[in-house]
């Protein structure tokens, strides 16, 4: 297992619980904050419980409502058909890590430099601990790394114009709401997490951001034109010493199987944050991969059939979600179009739950 985020840890626990010896290589230690919207659909709750993690015992906030606002601050509120919860990656990743350690997963803190496949096995070269041999390798290492360059993946050849920034603040915000507030060139997700902090995570065009001297000026001059964002930022106190940021975020199409590795989570594809459900996609992809890997080890399918079945299942579950995410993001990239869209949705409120369902799945079944 390469990568110890939501997908990597979930798959590692699942496989080890079923008797498969698992080694997980993760470059960072735990716990660690990550740039993330930190809202998850309730679809993953049955699976997380199966893995041994109860998010509500960790303090996760139950979320039942969704809000979206336009650049001109036009606001629309809708019920979330399935509901969700807010929890920080700091807390959830650590809980999964502790569960992985408890069930016996070997966790190795190191950086993978290269992966080679030959003679029906993988040779995984690390920076500090030499090489490892594995029968199956799952790539769950995130959005963009040097390993993607080594694998010569198509998306890595294209520069991405996006920058994402995340902070936690203390202030007044309903704990049962997840909001997406648009501003010129981007949008900001808002929801409460387990320690009553408000997670503010926004994505914007890097070129637009570069016009300003720093994050504060960008927020003041651009984001605060949306009165909902201005109110939240100006009436809250930062928890972090400084915002977290990442760049080169790619929404380009990725292959769910690369050099015989099964790709999970962001390594297989990212949904636009405007649709706010990437965390559940990562967890669900871990289950899909794990169940097929178990079939492989039980000699029910060959390696080639494993790869074909995983690619097919991944596309069945996520291809439409990504497509809808791209369409919604394109609408909100154009200010006049987004204002018109929100006006139409206000007149036809039944459409909003329908759109939300297109980016969410049904509750996960345990096999």
Protein backbone atom coordinates (compact mmCIF):
# COMPACT_ATOMS: atom_id res chain seq x y z
CA UNK A 1 0.00 0.00 0.00
CA UNK A 2 1.54 3.29 -1.08
CA UNK A 3 -0.01 6.20 0.82
CA UNK A 4 -1.68 6.35 4.20
CA UNK A 5 -4.59 8.71 3.69
CA UNK A 6 -8.25 7.74 3.81
CA UNK A 7 -8.07 5.28 0.91
CA UNK A 8 -4.77 3.65 1.83
CA UNK A 9 -5.60 3.18 5.50
CA UNK A 10 -9.12 1.90 4.77
CA UNK A 11 -7.87 -0.67 2.26
CA UNK A 12 -5.03 -1.75 4.57
CA UNK A 13 -7.42 -2.40 7.47
CA UNK A 14 -9.94 -4.19 5.25
CA UNK A 15 -7.36 -6.53 3.72
CA UNK A 16 -5.61 -7.27 7.01
CA UNK A 17 -8.93 -8.08 8.68
CA UNK A 18 -9.41 -10.69 5.95
CA UNK A 19 -6.04 -12.30 6.59
CA UNK A 20 -3.88 -10.58 3.95
CA UNK A 21 -0.45 -9.41 5.14
CA UNK A 22 -0.27 -5.67 4.43
CA UNK A 23 2.59 -3.20 4.46
CA UNK A 24 1.65 0.48 4.20
CA UNK A 25 4.24 3.10 3.24
CA UNK A 26 3.43 6.69 4.19
CA UNK A 27 5.89 9.60 4.10
CA UNK A 28 4.21 11.69 6.83
CA UNK A 29 3.61 10.95 10.48
CA UNK A 30 0.24 11.15 12.26
CA UNK A 31 -1.72 13.22 13.12
CA UNK A 32 -1.43 15.87 10.42
CA UNK A 33 -3.73 18.54 9.02
CA UNK A 34 -4.37 18.35 5.27
CA UNK A 35 -5.95 20.74 2.79
CA UNK A 36 -9.42 19.20 2.54
CA UNK A 37 -13.09 20.18 2.65
CA UNK A 38 -13.66 17.77 5.60
CA UNK A 39 -17.27 16.98 4.73
CA UNK A 40 -18.18 13.33 4.10
CA UNK A 41 -21.42 11.82 2.90
CA UNK A 42 -23.14 9.36 5.24
CA UNK A 43 -22.81 6.74 2.51
CA UNK A 44 -19.49 5.65 4.06
CA UNK A 45 -20.74 5.13 7.65
CA UNK A 46 -21.46 1.37 7.35
CA UNK A 47 -17.98 0.76 5.98
CA UNK A 48 -16.18 2.93 8.54
CA UNK A 49 -18.02 1.08 11.30
CA UNK A 50 -16.94 -2.23 9.74
CA UNK A 51 -13.34 -0.99 9.75
CA UNK A 52 -13.65 -0.17 13.45
CA UNK A 53 -13.96 3.62 13.37
CA UNK A 54 -16.96 5.39 14.90
CA UNK A 55 -16.73 8.98 13.68
CA UNK A 56 -19.34 10.26 16.11
CA UNK A 57 -17.36 8.98 19.08
CA UNK A 58 -14.59 11.20 17.68
CA UNK A 59 -16.96 14.18 17.78
CA UNK A 60 -17.97 14.39 14.12
CA UNK A 61 -20.75 16.90 13.43
CA UNK A 62 -23.96 15.62 11.83
CA UNK A 63 -24.74 17.62 8.69
CA UNK A 64 -28.23 17.68 7.19
CA UNK A 65 -28.34 20.90 5.15
CA UNK A 66 -26.48 22.32 2.16
CA UNK A 67 -26.08 25.98 1.22
CA UNK A 68 -24.63 27.49 -1.92
CA UNK A 69 -24.17 31.16 -2.73
CA UNK A 70 -23.22 33.00 -5.91
CA UNK A 71 -20.53 35.64 -6.33
CA UNK A 72 -23.21 38.27 -5.76
CA UNK A 73 -24.20 36.52 -2.49
CA UNK A 74 -27.45 35.01 -3.75
CA UNK A 75 -28.09 32.13 -1.32
CA UNK A 76 -29.85 28.80 -1.79
CA UNK A 77 -30.48 26.24 0.98
CA UNK A 78 -31.47 22.60 0.53
CA UNK A 79 -31.71 19.42 2.57
CA UNK A 80 -29.01 16.82 1.96
CA UNK A 81 -30.87 13.69 0.77
CA UNK A 82 -28.62 11.27 2.67
CA UNK A 83 -26.88 13.63 5.05
CA UNK A 84 -23.25 13.71 6.01
CA UNK A 85 -20.81 14.66 8.73
CA UNK A 86 -17.94 17.03 9.36
CA UNK A 87 -14.64 15.74 10.72
CA UNK A 88 -11.06 16.89 10.28
CA UNK A 89 -8.48 14.87 8.39
CA UNK A 90 -6.29 15.36 11.46
CA UNK A 91 -8.75 13.32 13.52
CA UNK A 92 -10.05 10.79 10.98
CA UNK A 93 -6.68 9.86 9.49
CA UNK A 94 -5.26 9.34 12.98
CA UNK A 95 -8.22 7.15 14.00
CA UNK A 96 -7.76 4.96 10.91
CA UNK A 97 -3.99 4.85 11.49
CA UNK A 98 -4.44 3.70 15.10
CA UNK A 99 -6.93 1.05 13.97
CA UNK A 100 -4.53 -0.13 11.25
CA UNK A 101 -1.75 -0.48 13.82
CA UNK A 102 -4.11 -2.25 16.23
CA UNK A 103 -5.10 -4.93 13.72
CA UNK A 104 -1.48 -5.55 12.72
CA UNK A 105 -0.84 -3.55 9.56
CA UNK A 106 2.87 -2.82 9.15
CA UNK A 107 3.13 0.97 8.76
CA UNK A 108 6.44 2.23 7.35
CA UNK A 109 7.26 5.95 7.40
CA UNK A 110 9.18 6.47 4.17
CA UNK A 111 8.92 7.88 0.65
CA UNK A 112 8.42 5.61 -2.35
CA UNK A 113 10.86 6.53 -5.08
CA UNK A 114 9.97 3.99 -7.76
CA UNK A 115 7.72 1.01 -8.46
CA UNK A 116 8.63 -1.69 -10.98
CA UNK A 117 6.55 -4.67 -12.06
CA UNK A 118 8.11 -7.85 -13.43
CA UNK A 119 7.74 -11.62 -13.02
CA UNK A 120 4.23 -11.10 -11.64
CA UNK A 121 5.37 -9.06 -8.64
CA UNK A 122 6.14 -5.47 -7.66
CA UNK A 123 9.49 -4.12 -6.52
CA UNK A 124 8.93 -0.98 -4.44
CA UNK A 125 11.99 1.21 -3.90
CA UNK A 126 11.93 3.58 -0.91
CA UNK A 127 14.14 6.49 0.06
CA UNK A 128 15.36 5.23 3.44
CA UNK A 129 14.42 1.57 3.91
CA UNK A 130 15.52 -0.09 0.70
CA UNK A 131 13.13 -2.17 -1.37
CA UNK A 132 10.01 -4.24 -0.72
CA UNK A 133 8.44 -6.99 -2.81
CA UNK A 134 4.66 -7.26 -3.08
CA UNK A 135 2.21 -9.42 -4.99
CA UNK A 136 -0.34 -6.57 -5.21
CA UNK A 137 0.25 -2.82 -4.92
CA UNK A 138 -2.41 -0.19 -4.33
CA UNK A 139 -1.49 3.41 -5.10
CA UNK A 140 -3.26 5.74 -2.66
CA UNK A 141 -0.65 8.48 -2.40
CA UNK A 142 -2.77 11.50 -3.25
CA UNK A 143 -3.21 14.15 -5.90
CA UNK A 144 0.23 14.54 -7.44
CA UNK A 145 3.69 13.19 -6.54
CA UNK A 146 7.04 12.43 -8.14
CA UNK A 147 5.87 8.84 -8.45
CA UNK A 148 3.35 10.04 -11.06
CA UNK A 149 6.28 11.47 -13.00
CA UNK A 150 8.15 8.15 -12.77
CA UNK A 151 5.05 6.36 -14.04
CA UNK A 152 4.74 8.89 -16.90
CA UNK A 153 1.04 9.38 -16.18
CA UNK A 154 -0.75 11.54 -18.73
CA UNK A 155 -2.17 14.12 -16.33
CA UNK A 156 1.24 14.94 -14.82
CA UNK A 157 2.38 16.45 -18.13
CA UNK A 158 -0.15 19.27 -17.81
CA UNK A 159 0.29 22.16 -15.40
CA UNK A 160 -2.76 22.78 -13.26
CA UNK A 161 -3.95 26.35 -12.66
CA UNK A 162 -5.48 25.72 -9.23
CA UNK A 163 -4.42 26.66 -5.70
CA UNK A 164 -6.22 25.48 -2.54
CA UNK A 165 -6.05 27.07 0.92
CA UNK A 166 -7.41 25.78 4.23
CA UNK A 167 -7.75 27.25 7.71
CA UNK A 168 -9.63 26.37 10.87
CA UNK A 169 -11.32 29.20 12.77
CA UNK A 170 -13.51 29.61 15.83
CA UNK A 171 -16.78 31.43 15.36
CA UNK A 172 -20.52 31.16 14.88
CA UNK A 173 -21.66 28.74 12.17
CA UNK A 174 -24.45 26.12 12.25
CA UNK A 175 -22.99 22.66 12.87
CA UNK A 176 -25.63 20.94 10.72
CA UNK A 177 -24.74 22.89 7.53
CA UNK A 178 -22.13 22.48 4.82
CA UNK A 179 -21.86 25.59 2.64
CA UNK A 180 -20.18 26.40 -0.65
CA UNK A 181 -19.76 30.12 -1.20
CA UNK A 182 -18.58 31.28 -4.61
CA UNK A 183 -16.32 34.21 -5.36
CA UNK A 184 -14.76 35.43 -8.59
CA UNK A 185 -12.39 32.69 -9.74
CA UNK A 186 -13.18 30.14 -7.06
CA UNK A 187 -15.31 28.84 -4.21
CA UNK A 188 -14.99 28.16 -0.48
CA UNK A 189 -16.36 25.23 1.52
CA UNK A 190 -17.51 25.86 5.08
CA UNK A 191 -18.45 23.29 7.74
CA UNK A 192 -17.84 22.53 11.39
CA UNK A 193 -15.61 19.68 12.55
CA UNK A 194 -15.19 17.68 15.75
CA UNK A 195 -13.59 20.31 18.01
CA UNK A 196 -16.19 22.94 17.08
CA UNK A 197 -13.76 24.62 14.71
CA UNK A 198 -15.07 25.87 11.39
CA UNK A 199 -13.17 24.46 8.42
CA UNK A 200 -12.72 27.02 5.65
CA UNK A 201 -11.22 25.50 2.52
CA UNK A 202 -11.17 27.36 -0.78
CA UNK A 203 -9.83 26.79 -4.27
CA UNK A 204 -8.98 29.48 -6.77
CA UNK A 205 -7.18 30.11 -10.04
CA UNK A 206 -3.48 30.56 -9.31
CA UNK A 207 -3.06 33.32 -11.90
CA UNK A 208 -5.87 35.34 -10.33
CA UNK A 209 -4.31 34.84 -6.90
CA UNK A 210 -0.89 36.05 -8.05
CA UNK A 211 -2.30 39.52 -8.68
CA UNK A 212 -2.33 40.10 -4.93
CA UNK A 213 0.59 40.35 -2.51
CA UNK A 214 -0.64 37.68 -0.07
CA UNK A 215 -3.56 35.55 1.09
CA UNK A 216 -5.02 38.30 3.29
CA UNK A 217 -5.17 40.80 0.44
CA UNK A 218 -6.73 38.22 -1.89
CA UNK A 219 -9.41 37.41 0.69
CA UNK A 220 -10.14 41.09 1.31
CA UNK A 221 -10.24 42.16 -2.34
CA UNK A 222 -11.86 39.11 -3.94
CA UNK A 223 -13.51 36.69 -1.54
CA UNK A 224 -15.14 39.30 0.68
CA UNK A 225 -17.25 40.55 -2.21
CA UNK A 226 -19.41 37.58 -1.24
CA UNK A 227 -21.04 38.91 1.93
CA UNK A 228 -21.47 35.42 3.41
CA UNK A 229 -17.74 34.78 3.26
CA UNK A 230 -16.94 38.26 4.54
CA UNK A 231 -19.16 37.71 7.57
CA UNK A 232 -17.63 34.32 8.42
CA UNK A 233 -14.00 35.48 8.07
CA UNK A 234 -14.48 38.81 9.87
CA UNK A 235 -16.40 37.28 12.79
CA UNK A 236 -14.06 34.39 13.55
CA UNK A 237 -10.66 33.80 15.15
CA UNK A 238 -7.99 31.70 13.39
CA UNK A 239 -6.96 28.44 15.03
CA UNK A 240 -3.93 27.76 12.81
CA UNK A 241 -0.80 29.89 13.06
CA UNK A 242 -0.86 30.16 9.27
CA UNK A 243 -3.11 28.85 6.47
CA UNK A 244 -2.24 25.58 4.74
CA UNK A 245 -1.99 25.66 0.96
CA UNK A 246 -1.32 23.35 -1.98
CA UNK A 247 -0.96 24.03 -5.69
CA UNK A 248 -0.93 22.01 -8.92
CA UNK A 249 -4.33 20.43 -8.18
CA UNK A 250 -5.40 18.47 -11.24
CA UNK A 251 -8.95 17.57 -12.25
CA UNK A 252 -7.70 15.91 -15.43
CA UNK A 253 -8.77 12.37 -16.17
CA UNK A 254 -6.59 9.70 -14.54
CA UNK A 255 -6.43 5.97 -15.06
CA UNK A 256 -7.68 3.80 -12.15
CA UNK A 257 -5.05 1.21 -13.08
CA UNK A 258 -1.47 2.28 -13.80
CA UNK A 259 1.46 -0.08 -14.42
CA UNK A 260 -0.62 -2.90 -12.86
CA UNK A 261 -1.22 -0.84 -9.68
CA UNK A 262 -4.79 -0.23 -8.52
CA UNK A 263 -5.19 3.50 -7.91
CA UNK A 264 -7.45 4.66 -5.07
CA UNK A 265 -8.65 8.03 -3.82
CA UNK A 266 -7.16 11.14 -5.43
CA UNK A 267 -4.55 8.98 -7.17
CA UNK A 268 -7.37 7.67 -9.37
CA UNK A 269 -9.24 10.94 -9.88
CA UNK A 270 -10.45 14.09 -8.12
CA UNK A 271 -13.97 15.46 -8.05
CA UNK A 272 -14.30 19.23 -8.05
CA UNK A 273 -14.53 20.47 -4.43
CA UNK A 274 -17.66 22.35 -5.49
CA UNK A 275 -19.36 18.94 -5.27
CA UNK A 276 -17.73 18.37 -1.89
CA UNK A 277 -17.59 14.58 -1.65
CA UNK A 278 -14.05 13.50 -2.47
CA UNK A 279 -13.47 11.93 0.96
CA UNK A 280 -16.30 9.44 0.52
CA UNK A 281 -15.04 8.61 -2.97
CA UNK A 282 -11.61 7.77 -1.52
CA UNK A 283 -13.12 5.49 1.13
CA UNK A 284 -15.46 3.77 -1.32
CA UNK A 285 -12.63 3.18 -3.80
CA UNK A 286 -10.70 1.44 -1.02
CA UNK A 287 -13.58 -0.98 -0.49
CA UNK A 288 -13.91 -1.70 -4.22
CA UNK A 289 -10.17 -2.40 -4.53
CA UNK A 290 -10.04 -4.50 -1.36
CA UNK A 291 -12.92 -6.78 -2.33
CA UNK A 292 -11.42 -7.44 -5.76
CA UNK A 293 -7.95 -8.04 -4.32
CA UNK A 294 -9.47 -10.63 -1.98
CA UNK A 295 -11.03 -12.34 -5.01
CA UNK A 296 -7.57 -12.39 -6.58
CA UNK A 297 -5.93 -13.97 -3.54
CA UNK A 298 -8.70 -16.56 -3.41
CA UNK A 299 -7.84 -17.42 -7.06
CA UNK A 300 -11.33 -16.37 -8.16
CA UNK A 301 -9.89 -13.95 -10.75
CA UNK A 302 -6.57 -13.53 -12.56
CA UNK A 303 -4.42 -10.39 -12.36
CA UNK A 304 -5.62 -9.18 -15.75
CA UNK A 305 -9.25 -9.75 -14.75
CA UNK A 306 -8.59 -7.97 -11.44
CA UNK A 307 -7.35 -4.90 -13.28
CA UNK A 308 -10.22 -4.96 -15.78
CA UNK A 309 -12.80 -5.46 -13.02
CA UNK A 310 -11.38 -2.64 -10.89
CA UNK A 311 -11.28 -0.15 -13.77
CA UNK A 312 -14.85 -1.08 -14.69
CA UNK A 313 -16.14 -0.82 -11.09
CA UNK A 314 -14.30 2.49 -10.53
CA UNK A 315 -15.88 3.99 -13.62
CA UNK A 316 -19.33 2.65 -12.72
CA UNK A 317 -19.17 4.29 -9.30
CA UNK A 318 -17.33 7.51 -10.05
CA UNK A 319 -17.23 8.44 -13.73
CA UNK A 320 -20.66 10.08 -13.63
CA UNK A 321 -19.83 11.87 -10.36
CA UNK A 322 -16.72 13.39 -11.94
CA UNK A 323 -18.66 14.37 -15.05
CA UNK A 324 -21.35 16.13 -13.02
CA UNK A 325 -18.63 17.80 -10.95
CA UNK A 326 -17.01 19.20 -14.10
CA UNK A 327 -20.36 20.50 -15.38
CA UNK A 328 -21.26 22.18 -12.08
CA UNK A 329 -17.79 23.72 -11.83
CA UNK A 330 -18.05 25.10 -15.38
CA UNK A 331 -21.39 26.71 -14.55
CA UNK A 332 -19.93 28.46 -11.52
CA UNK A 333 -16.84 29.54 -13.48
CA UNK A 334 -19.13 31.98 -15.29
CA UNK A 335 -20.67 34.55 -12.98
CA UNK A 336 -23.75 35.38 -15.05
CA UNK A 337 -24.46 31.72 -15.69
CA UNK A 338 -24.17 30.85 -12.00
CA UNK A 339 -26.52 33.69 -11.01
CA UNK A 340 -29.05 32.43 -13.56
CA UNK A 341 -28.62 28.83 -12.38
CA UNK A 342 -29.28 29.73 -8.74
CA UNK A 343 -32.34 31.75 -9.70
CA UNK A 344 -33.68 28.74 -11.62
CA UNK A 345 -32.96 26.39 -8.71
CA UNK A 346 -34.85 28.69 -6.34
CA UNK A 347 -37.90 28.42 -8.59
CA UNK A 348 -37.50 24.63 -8.92
CA UNK A 349 -36.24 23.49 -5.48
CA UNK A 350 -36.67 19.80 -6.35
CA UNK A 351 -33.69 20.06 -8.71
CA UNK A 352 -31.10 20.70 -5.99
CA UNK A 353 -31.52 17.33 -4.19
CA UNK A 354 -31.41 15.65 -7.61
CA UNK A 355 -28.08 17.31 -8.46
CA UNK A 356 -26.65 16.44 -5.02
CA UNK A 357 -27.56 12.79 -5.53
CA UNK A 358 -25.51 12.74 -8.74
CA UNK A 359 -22.32 13.40 -6.76
CA UNK A 360 -23.16 11.09 -3.85
CA UNK A 361 -23.62 7.34 -3.62
CA UNK A 362 -25.90 4.98 -1.73
CA UNK A 363 -24.92 3.60 1.70
CA UNK A 364 -22.05 1.17 1.29
CA UNK A 365 -22.84 -2.53 1.60
CA UNK A 366 -20.51 -4.83 3.55
CA UNK A 367 -19.65 -8.08 1.82
